Amino acid sequence: MKIALTHTGSPEKNSFYVNWLRTSDDIEIISFSADANNLDEIGHCDALVLSGGIDIHPKYYGSDKTDYPHAPQQYKEHRDEFEIA
């Protein structure tokens, strides 16, 4: 089984996902990210895990409010766009 895993932005946090998913030798994990620009690989995977990370920019769900409690200082819109695609 091939699983595409988006990167959290933190190598340490990402390793938690890898360890959790790697329950068998049959599982191959593909690092899937905007930085790797490998959207075309999704067609070769059996599953997709969207990992946690910085909040999605509010404009992607119809809001312009960015000053909510615990809002990030900056968003990663390239990641949002990649994962939406």
PDB file of N, CA and C in Angstrom:
ATOM      1  N   MET A   1       0.844  -1.176   0.000  1.00  0.00           N
ATOM      2  CA  MET A   1       0.000   0.000   0.000  1.00  0.00           C
ATOM      3  C   MET A   1       0.887   1.235   0.000  1.00  0.00           C
ATOM      4  N   LYS A   2       0.525   2.213  -0.803  1.00  0.00           N
ATOM      5  CA  LYS A   2       1.239   3.483  -0.882  1.00  0.00           C
ATOM      6  C   LYS A   2       0.377   4.572  -0.259  1.00  0.00           C
ATOM      7  N   ILE A   3       0.955   5.286   0.708  1.00  0.00           N
ATOM      8  CA  ILE A   3       0.233   6.366   1.384  1.00  0.00           C
ATOM      9  C   ILE A   3       0.970   7.679   1.164  1.00  0.00           C
ATOM     10  N   ALA A   4       0.252   8.676   0.651  1.00  0.00           N
ATOM     11  CA  ALA A   4       0.799  10.024   0.519  1.00  0.00           C
ATOM     12  C   ALA A   4       0.570  10.749   1.843  1.00  0.00           C
ATOM     13  N   LEU A   5       1.612  11.363   2.361  1.00  0.00           N
ATOM     14  CA  LEU A   5       1.547  12.071   3.636  1.00  0.00           C
ATOM     15  C   LEU A   5       2.047  13.487   3.443  1.00  0.00           C
ATOM     16  N   THR A   6       1.192  14.467   3.732  1.00  0.00           N
ATOM     17  CA  THR A   6       1.643  15.851   3.641  1.00  0.00           C
ATOM     18  C   THR A   6       2.566  16.153   4.821  1.00  0.00           C
ATOM     19  N   HIS A   7       3.478  17.061   4.608  1.00  0.00           N
ATOM     20  CA  HIS A   7       4.475  17.381   5.637  1.00  0.00           C
ATOM     21  C   HIS A   7       3.941  18.451   6.568  1.00  0.00           C
ATOM     22  N   THR A   8       4.122  18.253   7.855  1.00  0.00           N
ATOM     23  CA  THR A   8       3.612  19.180   8.871  1.00  0.00           C
ATOM     24  C   THR A   8       4.377  20.498   8.907  1.00  0.00           C
ATOM     25  N   GLY A   9       5.580  20.507   8.399  1.00  0.00           N
ATOM     26  CA  GLY A   9       6.439  21.678   8.509  1.00  0.00           C
ATOM     27  C   GLY A   9       7.488  21.487   9.586  1.00  0.00           C
ATOM     28  N   SER A  10       7.348  20.441  10.380  1.00  0.00           N
ATOM     29  CA  SER A  10       8.298  20.135  11.445  1.00  0.00           C
ATOM     30  C   SER A  10       8.770  18.687  11.281  1.00  0.00           C
ATOM     31  N   PRO A  11      10.076  18.471  11.102  1.00  0.00           N
ATOM     32  CA  PRO A  11      10.567  17.097  10.957  1.00  0.00           C
ATOM     33  C   PRO A  11      10.183  16.198  12.132  1.00  0.00           C
ATOM     34  N   GLU A  12      10.220  16.748  13.344  1.00  0.00           N
ATOM     35  CA  GLU A  12       9.874  15.949  14.525  1.00  0.00           C
ATOM     36  C   GLU A  12       8.410  15.510  14.479  1.00  0.00           C
ATOM     37  N   LYS A  13       7.500  16.463  14.228  1.00  0.00           N
ATOM     38  CA  LYS A  13       6.077  16.127  14.165  1.00  0.00           C
ATOM     39  C   LYS A  13       5.792  15.190  12.995  1.00  0.00           C
ATOM     40  N   ASN A  14       6.466  15.416  11.881  1.00  0.00           N
ATOM     41  CA  ASN A  14       6.258  14.558  10.718  1.00  0.00           C
ATOM     42  C   ASN A  14       6.644  13.112  11.028  1.00  0.00           C
ATOM     43  N   SER A  15       7.709  12.927  11.804  1.00  0.00           N
ATOM     44  CA  SER A  15       8.147  11.568  12.149  1.00  0.00           C
ATOM     45  C   SER A  15       7.093  10.831  12.974  1.00  0.00           C
ATOM     46  N   PHE A  16       6.292  11.559  13.760  1.00  0.00           N
ATOM     47  CA  PHE A  16       5.208  10.918  14.512  1.00  0.00           C
ATOM     48  C   PHE A  16       4.192  10.295  13.553  1.00  0.00           C
ATOM     49  N   TYR A  17       3.852  11.027  12.498  1.00  0.00           N
ATOM     50  CA  TYR A  17       2.917  10.504  11.499  1.00  0.00           C
ATOM     51  C   TYR A  17       3.506   9.277  10.799  1.00  0.00           C
ATOM     52  N   VAL A  18       4.781   9.366  10.412  1.00  0.00           N
ATOM     53  CA  VAL A  18       5.425   8.247   9.726  1.00  0.00           C
ATOM     54  C   VAL A  18       5.413   7.008  10.609  1.00  0.00           C
ATOM     55  N   ASN A  19       5.796   7.155  11.860  1.00  0.00           N
ATOM     56  CA  ASN A  19       5.804   6.015  12.784  1.00  0.00           C
ATOM     57  C   ASN A  19       4.412   5.441  12.986  1.00  0.00           C
ATOM     58  N   TRP A  20       3.417   6.284  13.056  1.00  0.00           N
ATOM     59  CA  TRP A  20       2.044   5.844  13.241  1.00  0.00           C
ATOM     60  C   TRP A  20       1.548   5.070  12.015  1.00  0.00           C
ATOM     61  N   LEU A  21       1.888   5.565  10.831  1.00  0.00           N
ATOM     62  CA  LEU A  21       1.415   4.927   9.606  1.00  0.00           C
ATOM     63  C   LEU A  21       2.162   3.643   9.265  1.00  0.00           C
ATOM     64  N   ARG A  22       3.396   3.566   9.672  1.00  0.00           N
ATOM     65  CA  ARG A  22       4.229   2.426   9.297  1.00  0.00           C
ATOM     66  C   ARG A  22       3.969   1.260  10.259  1.00  0.00           C
ATOM     67  N   THR A  23       2.801   0.652  10.121  1.00  0.00           N
ATOM     68  CA  THR A  23       2.425  -0.472  10.978  1.00  0.00           C
ATOM     69  C   THR A  23       2.773  -1.812  10.351  1.00  0.00           C
ATOM     70  N   SER A  24       3.243  -1.776   9.110  1.00  0.00           N
ATOM     71  CA  SER A  24       3.540  -3.009   8.386  1.00  0.00           C
ATOM     72  C   SER A  24       4.623  -2.731   7.351  1.00  0.00           C
ATOM     73  N   ASP A  25       5.333  -3.763   6.956  1.00  0.00           N
ATOM     74  CA  ASP A  25       6.371  -3.605   5.935  1.00  0.00           C
ATOM     75  C   ASP A  25       5.779  -3.350   4.556  1.00  0.00           C
ATOM     76  N   ASP A  26       4.475  -3.604   4.395  1.00  0.00           N
ATOM     77  CA  ASP A  26       3.811  -3.432   3.097  1.00  0.00           C
ATOM     78  C   ASP A  26       3.503  -1.971   2.785  1.00  0.00           C
ATOM     79  N   ILE A  27       3.712  -1.076   3.739  1.00  0.00           N
ATOM     80  CA  ILE A  27       3.316   0.320   3.567  1.00  0.00           C
ATOM     81  C   ILE A  27       4.504   1.166   3.117  1.00  0.00           C
ATOM     82  N   GLU A  28       4.285   1.874   2.018  1.00  0.00           N
ATOM     83  CA  GLU A  28       5.275   2.824   1.512  1.00  0.00           C
ATOM     84  C   GLU A  28       4.688   4.215   1.709  1.00  0.00           C
ATOM     85  N   ILE A  29       5.459   5.096   2.336  1.00  0.00           N
ATOM     86  CA  ILE A  29       4.980   6.448   2.606  1.00  0.00           C
ATOM     87  C   ILE A  29       5.667   7.414   1.645  1.00  0.00           C
ATOM     88  N   ILE A  30       4.851   8.161   0.931  1.00  0.00           N
ATOM     89  CA  ILE A  30       5.341   9.160  -0.012  1.00  0.00           C
ATOM     90  C   ILE A  30       5.187  10.529   0.645  1.00  0.00           C
ATOM     91  N   SER A  31       6.285  11.256   0.776  1.00  0.00           N
ATOM     92  CA  SER A  31       6.213  12.615   1.304  1.00  0.00           C
ATOM     93  C   SER A  31       5.606  13.492   0.213  1.00  0.00           C
ATOM     94  N   PHE A  32       4.517  14.128   0.532  1.00  0.00           N
ATOM     95  CA  PHE A  32       3.690  14.833  -0.430  1.00  0.00           C
ATOM     96  C   PHE A  32       3.627  16.290   0.001  1.00  0.00           C
ATOM     97  N   SER A  33       4.153  17.219  -0.818  1.00  0.00           N
ATOM     98  CA  SER A  33       4.185  18.605  -0.363  1.00  0.00           C
ATOM     99  C   SER A  33       4.260  19.601  -1.509  1.00  0.00           C
ATOM    100  N   ALA A  34       3.886  20.824  -1.189  1.00  0.00           N
ATOM    101  CA  ALA A  34       3.993  21.920  -2.148  1.00  0.00           C
ATOM    102  C   ALA A  34       5.461  22.165  -2.495  1.00  0.00           C
ATOM    103  N   ASP A  35       6.352  22.023  -1.513  1.00  0.00           N
ATOM    104  CA  ASP A  35       7.778  22.241  -1.765  1.00  0.00           C
ATOM    105  C   ASP A  35       8.338  21.207  -2.738  1.00  0.00           C
ATOM    106  N   ALA A  36       7.858  19.963  -2.636  1.00  0.00           N
ATOM    107  CA  ALA A  36       8.305  18.905  -3.549  1.00  0.00           C
ATOM    108  C   ALA A  36       7.580  18.990  -4.892  1.00  0.00           C
ATOM    109  N   ASN A  37       6.484  19.732  -4.927  1.00  0.00           N
ATOM    110  CA  ASN A  37       5.695  19.922  -6.142  1.00  0.00           C
ATOM    111  C   ASN A  37       5.389  18.586  -6.824  1.00  0.00           C
ATOM    112  N   ASN A  38       4.894  17.620  -6.042  1.00  0.00           N
ATOM    113  CA  ASN A  38       4.670  16.270  -6.565  1.00  0.00           C
ATOM    114  C   ASN A  38       3.195  15.883  -6.571  1.00  0.00           C
ATOM    115  N   LEU A  39       2.341  16.826  -6.921  1.00  0.00           N
ATOM    116  CA  LEU A  39       0.905  16.589  -6.971  1.00  0.00           C
ATOM    117  C   LEU A  39       0.554  15.412  -7.876  1.00  0.00           C
ATOM    118  N   ASP A  40       1.316  15.216  -8.942  1.00  0.00           N
ATOM    119  CA  ASP A  40       1.023  14.134  -9.889  1.00  0.00           C
ATOM    120  C   ASP A  40       1.173  12.739  -9.279  1.00  0.00           C
ATOM    121  N   GLU A  41       1.876  12.617  -8.167  1.00  0.00           N
ATOM    122  CA  GLU A  41       2.071  11.312  -7.535  1.00  0.00           C
ATOM    123  C   GLU A  41       0.827  10.793  -6.815  1.00  0.00           C
ATOM    124  N   ILE A  42      -0.158  11.655  -6.575  1.00  0.00           N
ATOM    125  CA  ILE A  42      -1.338  11.232  -5.831  1.00  0.00           C
ATOM    126  C   ILE A  42      -2.085  10.108  -6.555  1.00  0.00           C
ATOM    127  N   GLY A  43      -2.026  10.090  -7.855  1.00  0.00           N
ATOM    128  CA  GLY A  43      -2.697   9.056  -8.623  1.00  0.00           C
ATOM    129  C   GLY A  43      -2.113   7.669  -8.434  1.00  0.00           C
ATOM    130  N   HIS A  44      -0.907   7.591  -7.869  1.00  0.00           N
ATOM    131  CA  HIS A  44      -0.241   6.316  -7.643  1.00  0.00           C
ATOM    132  C   HIS A  44      -0.359   5.856  -6.188  1.00  0.00           C
ATOM    133  N   CYS A  45      -1.136   6.584  -5.397  1.00  0.00           N
ATOM    134  CA  CYS A  45      -1.265   6.265  -3.977  1.00  0.00           C
ATOM    135  C   CYS A  45      -2.647   5.677  -3.679  1.00  0.00           C
ATOM    136  N   ASP A  46      -2.679   4.877  -2.629  1.00  0.00           N
ATOM    137  CA  ASP A  46      -3.928   4.261  -2.187  1.00  0.00           C
ATOM    138  C   ASP A  46      -4.657   5.105  -1.149  1.00  0.00           C
ATOM    139  N   ALA A  47      -3.929   6.011  -0.516  1.00  0.00           N
ATOM    140  CA  ALA A  47      -4.523   6.832   0.542  1.00  0.00           C
ATOM    141  C   ALA A  47      -3.764   8.147   0.650  1.00  0.00           C
ATOM    142  N   LEU A  48      -4.412   9.116   1.258  1.00  0.00           N
ATOM    143  CA  LEU A  48      -3.812  10.428   1.495  1.00  0.00           C
ATOM    144  C   LEU A  48      -4.078  10.821   2.940  1.00  0.00           C
ATOM    145  N   VAL A  49      -3.020  11.202   3.657  1.00  0.00           N
ATOM    146  CA  VAL A  49      -3.155  11.709   5.021  1.00  0.00           C
ATOM    147  C   VAL A  49      -2.729  13.172   4.998  1.00  0.00           C
ATOM    148  N   LEU A  50      -3.672  14.053   5.331  1.00  0.00           N
ATOM    149  CA  LEU A  50      -3.381  15.482   5.435  1.00  0.00           C
ATOM    150  C   LEU A  50      -2.997  15.751   6.882  1.00  0.00           C
ATOM    151  N   SER A  51      -1.731  15.990   7.102  1.00  0.00           N
ATOM    152  CA  SER A  51      -1.232  16.188   8.465  1.00  0.00           C
ATOM    153  C   SER A  51      -1.626  17.567   8.988  1.00  0.00           C
ATOM    154  N   GLY A  52      -1.459  17.732  10.262  1.00  0.00           N
ATOM    155  CA  GLY A  52      -1.733  19.021  10.881  1.00  0.00           C
ATOM    156  C   GLY A  52      -0.650  20.027  10.555  1.00  0.00           C
ATOM    157  N   GLY A  53      -0.838  21.207  10.994  1.00  0.00           N
ATOM    158  CA  GLY A  53       0.138  22.265  10.753  1.00  0.00           C
ATOM    159  C   GLY A  53      -0.497  23.605  11.042  1.00  0.00           C
ATOM    160  N   ILE A  54      -0.004  24.613  10.375  1.00  0.00           N
ATOM    161  CA  ILE A  54      -0.543  25.963  10.528  1.00  0.00           C
ATOM    162  C   ILE A  54      -1.957  26.000   9.952  1.00  0.00           C
ATOM    163  N   ASP A  55      -2.801  26.832  10.528  1.00  0.00           N
ATOM    164  CA  ASP A  55      -4.187  26.953  10.066  1.00  0.00           C
ATOM    165  C   ASP A  55      -4.263  27.281   8.581  1.00  0.00           C
ATOM    166  N   ILE A  56      -5.343  26.825   7.968  1.00  0.00           N
ATOM    167  CA  ILE A  56      -5.645  27.189   6.587  1.00  0.00           C
ATOM    168  C   ILE A  56      -6.017  28.662   6.570  1.00  0.00           C
ATOM    169  N   HIS A  57      -5.585  29.385   5.534  1.00  0.00           N
ATOM    170  CA  HIS A  57      -5.938  30.798   5.444  1.00  0.00           C
ATOM    171  C   HIS A  57      -7.459  30.915   5.352  1.00  0.00           C
ATOM    172  N   PRO A  58      -8.065  31.810   6.140  1.00  0.00           N
ATOM    173  CA  PRO A  58      -9.522  31.939   6.163  1.00  0.00           C
ATOM    174  C   PRO A  58     -10.162  32.213   4.800  1.00  0.00           C
ATOM    175  N   LYS A  59      -9.446  32.814   3.874  1.00  0.00           N
ATOM    176  CA  LYS A  59     -10.044  33.105   2.570  1.00  0.00           C
ATOM    177  C   LYS A  59     -10.456  31.827   1.839  1.00  0.00           C
ATOM    178  N   TYR A  60      -9.839  30.686   2.192  1.00  0.00           N
ATOM    179  CA  TYR A  60     -10.177  29.429   1.525  1.00  0.00           C
ATOM    180  C   TYR A  60     -11.486  28.836   2.027  1.00  0.00           C
ATOM    181  N   TYR A  61     -12.013  29.388   3.105  1.00  0.00           N
ATOM    182  CA  TYR A  61     -13.337  28.952   3.550  1.00  0.00           C
ATOM    183  C   TYR A  61     -14.285  30.145   3.680  1.00  0.00           C
ATOM    184  N   GLY A  62     -14.034  31.161   2.853  1.00  0.00           N
ATOM    185  CA  GLY A  62     -14.980  32.268   2.710  1.00  0.00           C
ATOM    186  C   GLY A  62     -14.953  33.333   3.772  1.00  0.00           C
ATOM    187  N   SER A  63     -13.835  33.492   4.466  1.00  0.00           N
ATOM    188  CA  SER A  63     -13.748  34.513   5.506  1.00  0.00           C
ATOM    189  C   SER A  63     -12.554  35.419   5.230  1.00  0.00           C
ATOM    190  N   ASP A  64     -12.643  36.643   5.714  1.00  0.00           N
ATOM    191  CA  ASP A  64     -11.490  37.540   5.615  1.00  0.00           C
ATOM    192  C   ASP A  64     -10.935  37.875   6.994  1.00  0.00           C
ATOM    193  N   LYS A  65     -11.442  37.189   8.004  1.00  0.00           N
ATOM    194  CA  LYS A  65     -11.018  37.447   9.387  1.00  0.00           C
ATOM    195  C   LYS A  65      -9.738  36.652   9.694  1.00  0.00           C
ATOM    196  N   THR A  66      -8.656  37.356   9.935  1.00  0.00           N
ATOM    197  CA  THR A  66      -7.386  36.703  10.253  1.00  0.00           C
ATOM    198  C   THR A  66      -6.897  37.048  11.655  1.00  0.00           C
ATOM    199  N   ASP A  67      -7.713  37.771  12.407  1.00  0.00           N
ATOM    200  CA  ASP A  67      -7.301  38.185  13.754  1.00  0.00           C
ATOM    201  C   ASP A  67      -8.056  37.447  14.851  1.00  0.00           C
ATOM    202  N   TYR A  68      -8.331  36.177  14.624  1.00  0.00           N
ATOM    203  CA  TYR A  68      -9.040  35.367  15.614  1.00  0.00           C
ATOM    204  C   TYR A  68      -8.060  34.877  16.692  1.00  0.00           C
ATOM    205  N   PRO A  69      -8.563  34.410  17.841  1.00  0.00           N
ATOM    206  CA  PRO A  69      -7.679  33.934  18.913  1.00  0.00           C
ATOM    207  C   PRO A  69      -6.769  32.797  18.433  1.00  0.00           C
ATOM    208  N   HIS A  70      -5.511  32.881  18.745  1.00  0.00           N
ATOM    209  CA  HIS A  70      -4.483  31.885  18.412  1.00  0.00           C
ATOM    210  C   HIS A  70      -4.215  31.784  16.910  1.00  0.00           C
ATOM    211  N   ALA A  71      -4.539  32.816  16.165  1.00  0.00           N
ATOM    212  CA  ALA A  71      -4.262  32.825  14.724  1.00  0.00           C
ATOM    213  C   ALA A  71      -2.748  32.817  14.510  1.00  0.00           C
ATOM    214  N   PRO A  72      -2.280  32.160  13.462  1.00  0.00           N
ATOM    215  CA  PRO A  72      -0.841  32.183  13.195  1.00  0.00           C
ATOM    216  C   PRO A  72      -0.399  33.576  12.747  1.00  0.00           C
ATOM    217  N   GLN A  73       0.866  33.870  12.938  1.00  0.00           N
ATOM    218  CA  GLN A  73       1.382  35.164  12.497  1.00  0.00           C
ATOM    219  C   GLN A  73       1.463  35.225  10.981  1.00  0.00           C
ATOM    220  N   GLN A  74       1.661  34.081  10.358  1.00  0.00           N
ATOM    221  CA  GLN A  74       1.625  34.014   8.897  1.00  0.00           C
ATOM    222  C   GLN A  74       1.053  32.661   8.484  1.00  0.00           C
ATOM    223  N   TYR A  75       0.468  32.628   7.312  1.00  0.00           N
ATOM    224  CA  TYR A  75      -0.135  31.409   6.785  1.00  0.00           C
ATOM    225  C   TYR A  75       0.775  30.828   5.710  1.00  0.00           C
ATOM    226  N   LYS A  76       0.553  29.589   5.373  1.00  0.00           N
ATOM    227  CA  LYS A  76       1.312  28.937   4.299  1.00  0.00           C
ATOM    228  C   LYS A  76       0.351  28.670   3.147  1.00  0.00           C
ATOM    229  N   GLU A  77       0.049  29.730   2.418  1.00  0.00           N
ATOM    230  CA  GLU A  77      -0.946  29.634   1.360  1.00  0.00           C
ATOM    231  C   GLU A  77      -0.518  28.698   0.239  1.00  0.00           C
ATOM    232  N   HIS A  78       0.782  28.577  -0.012  1.00  0.00           N
ATOM    233  CA  HIS A  78       1.225  27.632  -1.046  1.00  0.00           C
ATOM    234  C   HIS A  78       0.876  26.196  -0.641  1.00  0.00           C
ATOM    235  N   ARG A  79       0.960  25.912   0.644  1.00  0.00           N
ATOM    236  CA  ARG A  79       0.550  24.586   1.121  1.00  0.00           C
ATOM    237  C   ARG A  79      -0.963  24.426   0.995  1.00  0.00           C
ATOM    238  N   ASP A  80      -1.725  25.460   1.389  1.00  0.00           N
ATOM    239  CA  ASP A  80      -3.185  25.399   1.272  1.00  0.00           C
ATOM    240  C   ASP A  80      -3.593  25.109  -0.166  1.00  0.00           C
ATOM    241  N   GLU A  81      -3.023  25.846  -1.111  1.00  0.00           N
ATOM    242  CA  GLU A  81      -3.364  25.679  -2.528  1.00  0.00           C
ATOM    243  C   GLU A  81      -2.992  24.293  -3.027  1.00  0.00           C
ATOM    244  N   PHE A  82      -1.829  23.804  -2.623  1.00  0.00           N
ATOM    245  CA  PHE A  82      -1.388  22.467  -3.030  1.00  0.00           C
ATOM    246  C   PHE A  82      -2.343  21.397  -2.505  1.00  0.00           C
ATOM    247  N   GLU A  83      -2.693  21.466  -1.231  1.00  0.00           N
ATOM    248  CA  GLU A  83      -3.554  20.460  -0.640  1.00  0.00           C
ATOM    249  C   GLU A  83      -4.990  20.546  -1.154  1.00  0.00           C
ATOM    250  N   ILE A  84      -5.453  21.729  -1.468  1.00  0.00           N
ATOM    251  CA  ILE A  84      -6.779  21.861  -2.060  1.00  0.00           C
ATOM    252  C   ILE A  84      -6.800  21.208  -3.440  1.00  0.00           C
ATOM    253  N   ALA A  85      -5.733  21.418  -4.210  1.00  0.00           N
ATOM    254  CA  ALA A  85      -5.636  20.804  -5.549  1.00  0.00           C
ATOM    255  C   ALA A  85      -5.637  19.303  -5.444  1.00  0.00           C
TER     256      ALA A  85
END
